[in-house]
């Protein structure tokens, strides 16, 4: 597997994963922050 393919796979997996984590942290901070 070449570096380009690895980067492509990481982008496809990492972007939705990072978005999901961001959404979770946003909801958690809203819940626990009380704002």
N, C-alpha and C. Protein backbone atom coordinates (compact mmCIF):
# COMPACT_ATOMS: atom_id res chain seq x y z
N UNK A 1 0.85 -1.20 0.00
CA UNK A 1 0.00 0.00 0.00
C UNK A 1 0.88 1.25 0.00
N UNK A 2 0.58 2.17 -0.87
CA UNK A 2 1.40 3.37 -0.98
C UNK A 2 0.96 4.40 0.04
N UNK A 3 1.78 5.43 0.24
CA UNK A 3 1.46 6.48 1.21
C UNK A 3 0.18 7.21 0.86
N UNK A 4 -0.06 7.38 -0.44
CA UNK A 4 -1.27 8.08 -0.87
C UNK A 4 -2.52 7.30 -0.48
N UNK A 5 -2.48 5.98 -0.67
CA UNK A 5 -3.65 5.16 -0.32
C UNK A 5 -3.87 5.16 1.18
N UNK A 6 -2.79 5.11 1.96
CA UNK A 6 -2.91 5.16 3.41
C UNK A 6 -3.54 6.49 3.83
N UNK A 7 -3.09 7.57 3.24
CA UNK A 7 -3.64 8.88 3.56
C UNK A 7 -5.12 8.97 3.20
N UNK A 8 -5.49 8.37 2.06
CA UNK A 8 -6.89 8.38 1.64
C UNK A 8 -7.77 7.61 2.61
N UNK A 9 -7.30 6.43 3.02
CA UNK A 9 -8.05 5.61 3.97
C UNK A 9 -8.19 6.34 5.30
N UNK A 10 -7.10 6.93 5.78
CA UNK A 10 -7.15 7.67 7.05
C UNK A 10 -8.11 8.85 6.96
N UNK A 11 -8.15 9.51 5.81
CA UNK A 11 -9.07 10.64 5.64
C UNK A 11 -10.52 10.16 5.68
N UNK A 12 -10.81 9.07 4.98
CA UNK A 12 -12.18 8.55 4.93
C UNK A 12 -12.64 8.07 6.30
N UNK A 13 -11.73 7.50 7.08
CA UNK A 13 -12.09 6.99 8.40
C UNK A 13 -12.03 8.11 9.44
N UNK A 14 -11.00 8.94 9.35
CA UNK A 14 -10.73 9.91 10.40
C UNK A 14 -11.68 11.08 10.42
N UNK A 15 -12.12 11.55 9.26
CA UNK A 15 -13.00 12.72 9.22
C UNK A 15 -14.34 12.45 9.90
N UNK A 16 -15.08 11.38 9.54
CA UNK A 16 -16.34 11.10 10.24
C UNK A 16 -16.12 10.81 11.72
N UNK A 17 -15.01 10.13 12.03
CA UNK A 17 -14.71 9.81 13.42
C UNK A 17 -14.47 11.07 14.23
N UNK A 18 -13.66 11.98 13.69
CA UNK A 18 -13.38 13.23 14.38
C UNK A 18 -14.65 14.06 14.53
N UNK A 19 -15.50 14.05 13.51
CA UNK A 19 -16.75 14.80 13.57
C UNK A 19 -17.66 14.24 14.67
N UNK A 20 -17.72 12.92 14.75
CA UNK A 20 -18.53 12.28 15.79
C UNK A 20 -18.02 12.60 17.19
N UNK A 21 -16.71 12.58 17.36
CA UNK A 21 -16.12 12.93 18.66
C UNK A 21 -16.41 14.39 19.00
N UNK A 22 -16.29 15.27 18.01
CA UNK A 22 -16.56 16.69 18.22
C UNK A 22 -18.00 16.92 18.64
N UNK A 23 -18.93 16.25 17.97
CA UNK A 23 -20.34 16.36 18.32
C UNK A 23 -20.60 15.88 19.74
N UNK A 24 -19.97 14.75 20.11
CA UNK A 24 -20.13 14.19 21.45
C UNK A 24 -19.60 15.15 22.50
N UNK A 25 -18.43 15.72 22.26
CA UNK A 25 -17.84 16.67 23.22
C UNK A 25 -18.69 17.92 23.34
N UNK A 26 -19.25 18.37 22.23
CA UNK A 26 -20.10 19.56 22.26
C UNK A 26 -21.35 19.31 23.10
N UNK A 27 -21.99 18.16 22.91
CA UNK A 27 -23.18 17.83 23.68
C UNK A 27 -22.83 17.63 25.15
N UNK A 28 -21.70 16.98 25.42
CA UNK A 28 -21.28 16.74 26.80
C UNK A 28 -20.98 18.05 27.51
N UNK A 29 -20.31 18.97 26.84
CA UNK A 29 -19.98 20.25 27.46
C UNK A 29 -21.23 21.07 27.70
N UNK A 30 -22.23 20.92 26.82
CA UNK A 30 -23.49 21.62 27.01
C UNK A 30 -24.24 21.04 28.22
N UNK A 31 -24.20 19.72 28.35
CA UNK A 31 -24.88 19.08 29.47
C UNK A 31 -24.21 19.42 30.79
N UNK A 32 -22.89 19.21 30.86
CA UNK A 32 -22.18 19.38 32.12
C UNK A 32 -21.85 20.84 32.40
N UNK A 33 -21.75 21.65 31.35
CA UNK A 33 -21.46 23.07 31.54
C UNK A 33 -22.69 23.85 31.97
N UNK A 34 -23.86 23.32 31.64
CA UNK A 34 -25.11 23.96 32.04
C UNK A 34 -25.46 25.18 31.21
N UNK A 35 -24.79 25.36 30.06
CA UNK A 35 -25.07 26.52 29.22
C UNK A 35 -25.92 26.10 28.02
